[in-house]
Amino acid sequence: MDKIIDCIHDVKAAIRYLRANADQLGLDEKRFALTGESAGGYLVNICGVTGDRPEFEDYEMGNPGVSTRVSTVISWYSLYDVNEGMIRRFFYTDAEKRFPPEVISALAAFYSPATYLDKDTPSFLLQHGTKDSEVDYHNSVHMHEDMVRLVGADKTCLELVEGADHGVRWFITRQNGERMARWLREKMG
């Protein structure tokens, strides 16, 4: 199996474990949120939009039948609409050697959070710097626009940080921590 799907399986296995053991851990099994930045932002995006889709689950990792749906996602500067170029750059640097062109195209669709956006998508707070040199900020813009159209404006918020590049130093601030806490209270009750 490839490393990307393994990472997705790991996140979903963690959600299942936490939800299955919510009582012992003092958690509310109905209120789960994901947050991540960069590659971690991609993982929370894809896990957030794929809910309980079996093609993204490895039930052998434990707690089969436990839901991996979450209430909300906070994503910093991450991929949304994965294309063939991104498959080559971020996912498989040896893509041309490993796969024929039609497989690269299929991988782009499979790994693209845009493929799975639907009415059941949880709420998303998207934050991205306008000078991101790694992941074009239009990824977050397009996700926000698609969510407004397909899911509703009340379930998405896009915050562009003018002049910010790729990296946490632009986003780990007291003010942004308070902003994220407000989002979680608002979306999770």
C-alpha atoms as a PDB file:
ATOM      1  CA  MET A   1       0.000   0.000   0.000  1.00  0.00           C
ATOM      2  CA  ASP A   2       1.237   3.505  -0.573  1.00  0.00           C
ATOM      3  CA  LYS A   3       2.222   5.894   2.185  1.00  0.00           C
ATOM      4  CA  ILE A   4      -0.506   8.447   1.461  1.00  0.00           C
ATOM      5  CA  ILE A   5      -3.398   6.073   2.039  1.00  0.00           C
ATOM      6  CA  ASP A   6      -1.547   4.714   5.081  1.00  0.00           C
ATOM      7  CA  CYS A   7      -1.553   8.233   6.581  1.00  0.00           C
ATOM      8  CA  ILE A   8      -5.269   8.596   5.891  1.00  0.00           C
ATOM      9  CA  HIS A   9      -5.888   5.197   7.498  1.00  0.00           C
ATOM     10  CA  ASP A  10      -3.883   6.298  10.563  1.00  0.00           C
ATOM     11  CA  VAL A  11      -5.969   9.449  11.056  1.00  0.00           C
ATOM     12  CA  LYS A  12      -9.223   7.555  10.634  1.00  0.00           C
ATOM     13  CA  ALA A  13      -8.073   4.754  12.970  1.00  0.00           C
ATOM     14  CA  ALA A  14      -7.286   7.404  15.606  1.00  0.00           C
ATOM     15  CA  ILE A  15     -10.768   8.901  15.218  1.00  0.00           C
ATOM     16  CA  ARG A  16     -12.370   5.462  15.568  1.00  0.00           C
ATOM     17  CA  TYR A  17     -10.255   4.668  18.641  1.00  0.00           C
ATOM     18  CA  LEU A  18     -11.067   7.969  20.348  1.00  0.00           C
ATOM     19  CA  ARG A  19     -14.757   7.703  19.538  1.00  0.00           C
ATOM     20  CA  ALA A  20     -14.955   4.035  20.633  1.00  0.00           C
ATOM     21  CA  ASN A  21     -13.265   4.940  23.939  1.00  0.00           C
ATOM     22  CA  ALA A  22     -14.897   8.334  24.428  1.00  0.00           C
ATOM     23  CA  ASP A  23     -16.459   7.469  27.803  1.00  0.00           C
ATOM     24  CA  GLN A  24     -13.172   6.291  29.328  1.00  0.00           C
ATOM     25  CA  LEU A  25     -11.288   9.266  27.861  1.00  0.00           C
ATOM     26  CA  GLY A  26     -13.845  11.895  28.882  1.00  0.00           C
ATOM     27  CA  LEU A  27     -14.685  12.838  25.293  1.00  0.00           C
ATOM     28  CA  ASP A  28     -17.984  13.652  23.638  1.00  0.00           C
ATOM     29  CA  GLU A  29     -18.288  11.062  20.868  1.00  0.00           C
ATOM     30  CA  LYS A  30     -20.613  13.364  18.903  1.00  0.00           C
ATOM     31  CA  ARG A  31     -18.209  16.319  18.784  1.00  0.00           C
ATOM     32  CA  PHE A  32     -14.932  15.724  16.986  1.00  0.00           C
ATOM     33  CA  ALA A  33     -12.793  18.289  15.182  1.00  0.00           C
ATOM     34  CA  LEU A  34      -9.679  17.968  13.063  1.00  0.00           C
ATOM     35  CA  THR A  35      -6.967  20.539  12.547  1.00  0.00           C
ATOM     36  CA  GLY A  36      -3.801  20.445  10.513  1.00  0.00           C
ATOM     37  CA  GLU A  37      -1.325  22.491   8.526  1.00  0.00           C
ATOM     38  CA  SER A  38       0.349  21.865   5.181  1.00  0.00           C
ATOM     39  CA  ALA A  39       0.545  18.062   4.708  1.00  0.00           C
ATOM     40  CA  GLY A  40      -1.456  17.701   7.920  1.00  0.00           C
ATOM     41  CA  GLY A  41      -3.934  20.181   6.481  1.00  0.00           C
ATOM     42  CA  TYR A  42      -4.287  17.949   3.447  1.00  0.00           C
ATOM     43  CA  LEU A  43      -4.941  14.973   5.745  1.00  0.00           C
ATOM     44  CA  VAL A  44      -7.657  16.795   7.692  1.00  0.00           C
ATOM     45  CA  ASN A  45      -9.188  17.987   4.404  1.00  0.00           C
ATOM     46  CA  ILE A  46      -9.379  14.497   2.885  1.00  0.00           C
ATOM     47  CA  CYS A  47     -10.472  12.862   6.157  1.00  0.00           C
ATOM     48  CA  GLY A  48     -13.055  15.586   6.760  1.00  0.00           C
ATOM     49  CA  VAL A  49     -14.716  15.200   3.367  1.00  0.00           C
ATOM     50  CA  THR A  50     -14.605  11.397   3.196  1.00  0.00           C
ATOM     51  CA  GLY A  51     -16.520  10.685   6.418  1.00  0.00           C
ATOM     52  CA  ASP A  52     -17.283   6.976   6.548  1.00  0.00           C
ATOM     53  CA  ARG A  53     -16.291   6.105   2.970  1.00  0.00           C
ATOM     54  CA  PRO A  54     -14.985   2.525   3.150  1.00  0.00           C
ATOM     55  CA  GLU A  55     -12.303   3.072   0.501  1.00  0.00           C
ATOM     56  CA  PHE A  56     -10.546   5.348   3.010  1.00  0.00           C
ATOM     57  CA  GLU A  57     -10.885   3.046   6.014  1.00  0.00           C
ATOM     58  CA  ASP A  58      -8.695   0.168   7.185  1.00  0.00           C
ATOM     59  CA  TYR A  59     -10.917  -1.596   9.686  1.00  0.00           C
ATOM     60  CA  GLU A  60      -8.151  -4.058  10.504  1.00  0.00           C
ATOM     61  CA  MET A  61      -6.603  -1.184  12.467  1.00  0.00           C
ATOM     62  CA  GLY A  62      -9.414  -1.519  15.004  1.00  0.00           C
ATOM     63  CA  ASN A  63     -12.918  -0.439  15.918  1.00  0.00           C
ATOM     64  CA  PRO A  64     -14.728  -1.407  12.707  1.00  0.00           C
ATOM     65  CA  GLY A  65     -18.182   0.086  12.446  1.00  0.00           C
ATOM     66  CA  VAL A  66     -17.239   3.191  14.441  1.00  0.00           C
ATOM     67  CA  SER A  67     -17.810   6.399  12.484  1.00  0.00           C
ATOM     68  CA  THR A  68     -14.968   8.635  11.300  1.00  0.00           C
ATOM     69  CA  ARG A  69     -17.247  11.592  10.549  1.00  0.00           C
ATOM     70  CA  VAL A  70     -16.228  14.805  12.273  1.00  0.00           C
ATOM     71  CA  SER A  71     -18.123  17.972  13.193  1.00  0.00           C
ATOM     72  CA  THR A  72     -15.666  20.533  11.906  1.00  0.00           C
ATOM     73  CA  VAL A  73     -12.209  20.997  10.385  1.00  0.00           C
ATOM     74  CA  ILE A  74      -9.641  23.768  10.717  1.00  0.00           C
ATOM     75  CA  SER A  75      -7.201  23.633   7.823  1.00  0.00           C
ATOM     76  CA  TRP A  76      -4.121  25.775   7.257  1.00  0.00           C
ATOM     77  CA  TYR A  77      -2.583  26.227   3.791  1.00  0.00           C
ATOM     78  CA  SER A  78      -3.363  22.851   2.281  1.00  0.00           C
ATOM     79  CA  LEU A  79      -4.295  21.056  -0.912  1.00  0.00           C
ATOM     80  CA  TYR A  80      -7.870  20.800  -2.110  1.00  0.00           C
ATOM     81  CA  ASP A  81      -8.171  20.112  -5.835  1.00  0.00           C
ATOM     82  CA  VAL A  82      -5.307  17.691  -6.467  1.00  0.00           C
ATOM     83  CA  ASN A  83      -4.147  17.579 -10.089  1.00  0.00           C
ATOM     84  CA  GLU A  84      -1.574  15.503 -11.984  1.00  0.00           C
ATOM     85  CA  GLY A  85       1.170  18.046 -11.304  1.00  0.00           C
ATOM     86  CA  MET A  86       0.509  17.814  -7.571  1.00  0.00           C
ATOM     87  CA  ILE A  87       0.608  14.023  -7.764  1.00  0.00           C
ATOM     88  CA  ARG A  88       4.095  14.368  -9.258  1.00  0.00           C
ATOM     89  CA  ARG A  89       5.249  17.101  -6.857  1.00  0.00           C
ATOM     90  CA  PHE A  90       3.720  16.192  -3.503  1.00  0.00           C
ATOM     91  CA  PHE A  91       2.640  12.564  -3.672  1.00  0.00           C
ATOM     92  CA  TYR A  92       4.930  10.564  -5.978  1.00  0.00           C
ATOM     93  CA  THR A  93       8.149  12.170  -7.187  1.00  0.00           C
ATOM     94  CA  ASP A  94       8.676   9.100  -9.387  1.00  0.00           C
ATOM     95  CA  ALA A  95       5.094   9.077 -10.740  1.00  0.00           C
ATOM     96  CA  GLU A  96       6.153   8.849 -14.417  1.00  0.00           C
ATOM     97  CA  LYS A  97       8.248   5.756 -13.690  1.00  0.00           C
ATOM     98  CA  ARG A  98       5.607   4.044 -11.560  1.00  0.00           C
ATOM     99  CA  PHE A  99       2.348   4.801 -13.365  1.00  0.00           C
ATOM    100  CA  PRO A 100       0.956   5.329 -16.867  1.00  0.00           C
ATOM    101  CA  PRO A 101      -0.691   8.765 -17.449  1.00  0.00           C
ATOM    102  CA  GLU A 102      -4.242   7.473 -16.945  1.00  0.00           C
ATOM    103  CA  VAL A 103      -3.301   6.113 -13.514  1.00  0.00           C
ATOM    104  CA  ILE A 104      -1.757   9.450 -12.525  1.00  0.00           C
ATOM    105  CA  SER A 105      -5.023  11.120 -13.536  1.00  0.00           C
ATOM    106  CA  ALA A 106      -7.055   8.586 -11.534  1.00  0.00           C
ATOM    107  CA  LEU A 107      -4.793   9.076  -8.503  1.00  0.00           C
ATOM    108  CA  ALA A 108      -5.317  12.837  -8.713  1.00  0.00           C
ATOM    109  CA  ALA A 109      -9.088  12.361  -8.606  1.00  0.00           C
ATOM    110  CA  PHE A 110      -8.903   9.743  -5.828  1.00  0.00           C
ATOM    111  CA  TYR A 111      -6.694  11.858  -3.567  1.00  0.00           C
ATOM    112  CA  SER A 112      -8.466  15.141  -4.267  1.00  0.00           C
ATOM    113  CA  PRO A 113     -10.741  16.367  -1.457  1.00  0.00           C
ATOM    114  CA  ALA A 114     -12.683  18.186  -4.199  1.00  0.00           C
ATOM    115  CA  THR A 115     -13.904  14.805  -5.469  1.00  0.00           C
ATOM    116  CA  TYR A 116     -15.791  14.047  -2.246  1.00  0.00           C
ATOM    117  CA  LEU A 117     -17.310  17.377  -1.276  1.00  0.00           C
ATOM    118  CA  ASP A 118     -21.057  16.890  -0.773  1.00  0.00           C
ATOM    119  CA  LYS A 119     -23.990  18.031   1.361  1.00  0.00           C
ATOM    120  CA  ASP A 120     -22.698  15.957   4.316  1.00  0.00           C
ATOM    121  CA  THR A 121     -19.326  17.719   4.418  1.00  0.00           C
ATOM    122  CA  PRO A 122     -18.615  19.142   7.890  1.00  0.00           C
ATOM    123  CA  SER A 123     -17.889  22.810   8.468  1.00  0.00           C
ATOM    124  CA  PHE A 124     -14.429  24.099   7.507  1.00  0.00           C
ATOM    125  CA  LEU A 125     -12.356  27.060   8.672  1.00  0.00           C
ATOM    126  CA  LEU A 126      -9.755  27.584   5.955  1.00  0.00           C
ATOM    127  CA  GLN A 127      -6.731  29.798   6.575  1.00  0.00           C
ATOM    128  CA  HIS A 128      -4.060  30.458   3.962  1.00  0.00           C
ATOM    129  CA  GLY A 129      -1.354  33.025   3.281  1.00  0.00           C
ATOM    130  CA  THR A 130      -1.543  35.034   0.074  1.00  0.00           C
ATOM    131  CA  LYS A 131       2.220  34.671  -0.510  1.00  0.00           C
ATOM    132  CA  ASP A 132       2.375  30.890   0.050  1.00  0.00           C
ATOM    133  CA  SER A 133       5.364  29.625  -1.939  1.00  0.00           C
ATOM    134  CA  GLU A 134       4.527  25.916  -1.485  1.00  0.00           C
ATOM    135  CA  VAL A 135       0.748  25.532  -1.884  1.00  0.00           C
ATOM    136  CA  ASP A 136      -1.116  28.125  -3.937  1.00  0.00           C
ATOM    137  CA  TYR A 137      -3.650  29.883  -1.733  1.00  0.00           C
ATOM    138  CA  HIS A 138      -6.266  29.395  -4.446  1.00  0.00           C
ATOM    139  CA  ASN A 139      -6.614  25.812  -3.124  1.00  0.00           C
ATOM    140  CA  SER A 140      -8.361  27.263  -0.070  1.00  0.00           C
ATOM    141  CA  VAL A 141     -10.245  29.824  -2.162  1.00  0.00           C
ATOM    142  CA  HIS A 142     -11.616  27.091  -4.450  1.00  0.00           C
ATOM    143  CA  MET A 143     -12.570  24.866  -1.532  1.00  0.00           C
ATOM    144  CA  HIS A 144     -14.410  27.741   0.114  1.00  0.00           C
ATOM    145  CA  GLU A 145     -16.236  28.637  -3.116  1.00  0.00           C
ATOM    146  CA  ASP A 146     -17.236  25.011  -3.713  1.00  0.00           C
ATOM    147  CA  MET A 147     -18.429  24.653  -0.142  1.00  0.00           C
ATOM    148  CA  VAL A 148     -20.541  27.805  -0.375  1.00  0.00           C
ATOM    149  CA  ARG A 149     -22.132  26.426  -3.541  1.00  0.00           C
ATOM    150  CA  LEU A 150     -22.600  22.791  -2.434  1.00  0.00           C
ATOM    151  CA  VAL A 151     -22.830  22.876   1.349  1.00  0.00           C
ATOM    152  CA  GLY A 152     -23.796  26.413   2.314  1.00  0.00           C
ATOM    153  CA  ALA A 153     -22.060  29.613   3.339  1.00  0.00           C
ATOM    154  CA  ASP A 154     -22.747  28.951   7.027  1.00  0.00           C
ATOM    155  CA  LYS A 155     -20.484  25.873   6.955  1.00  0.00           C
ATOM    156  CA  THR A 156     -17.336  27.516   5.651  1.00  0.00           C
ATOM    157  CA  CYS A 157     -15.102  30.454   6.392  1.00  0.00           C
ATOM    158  CA  LEU A 158     -12.052  31.516   4.386  1.00  0.00           C
ATOM    159  CA  GLU A 159      -9.453  33.717   6.029  1.00  0.00           C
ATOM    160  CA  LEU A 160      -6.574  34.834   3.840  1.00  0.00           C
ATOM    161  CA  VAL A 161      -3.551  36.228   5.655  1.00  0.00           C
ATOM    162  CA  GLU A 162      -2.148  38.988   3.485  1.00  0.00           C
ATOM    163  CA  GLY A 163       1.562  38.538   2.813  1.00  0.00           C
ATOM    164  CA  ALA A 164       1.876  35.260   4.763  1.00  0.00           C
ATOM    165  CA  ASP A 165       4.043  32.480   3.329  1.00  0.00           C
ATOM    166  CA  HIS A 166       3.853  28.738   3.962  1.00  0.00           C
ATOM    167  CA  GLY A 167       4.524  27.971   7.620  1.00  0.00           C
ATOM    168  CA  VAL A 168       3.072  28.037  11.096  1.00  0.00           C
ATOM    169  CA  ARG A 169       4.826  31.206  12.245  1.00  0.00           C
ATOM    170  CA  TRP A 170       2.195  33.214  10.409  1.00  0.00           C
ATOM    171  CA  PHE A 171      -0.685  31.374  12.066  1.00  0.00           C
ATOM    172  CA  ILE A 172       0.396  30.469  15.595  1.00  0.00           C
ATOM    173  CA  THR A 173      -0.609  33.634  17.373  1.00  0.00           C
ATOM    174  CA  ARG A 174      -2.700  34.301  20.438  1.00  0.00           C
ATOM    175  CA  GLN A 175      -5.223  36.127  18.259  1.00  0.00           C
ATOM    176  CA  ASN A 176      -5.561  33.182  15.863  1.00  0.00           C
ATOM    177  CA  GLY A 177      -5.792  30.706  18.760  1.00  0.00           C
ATOM    178  CA  GLU A 178      -8.708  32.714  20.097  1.00  0.00           C
ATOM    179  CA  ARG A 179     -10.208  32.804  16.596  1.00  0.00           C
ATOM    180  CA  MET A 180     -10.012  29.007  16.285  1.00  0.00           C
ATOM    181  CA  ALA A 181     -11.533  28.551  19.759  1.00  0.00           C
ATOM    182  CA  ARG A 182     -14.466  30.782  18.744  1.00  0.00           C
ATOM    183  CA  TRP A 183     -14.928  28.699  15.560  1.00  0.00           C
ATOM    184  CA  LEU A 184     -14.957  25.452  17.535  1.00  0.00           C
ATOM    185  CA  ARG A 185     -17.475  26.816  20.073  1.00  0.00           C
ATOM    186  CA  GLU A 186     -19.683  28.113  17.276  1.00  0.00           C
ATOM    187  CA  LYS A 187     -19.623  24.922  15.189  1.00  0.00           C
ATOM    188  CA  MET A 188     -19.563  22.334  17.970  1.00  0.00           C
ATOM    189  CA  GLY A 189     -21.746  23.977  20.592  1.00  0.00           C
END
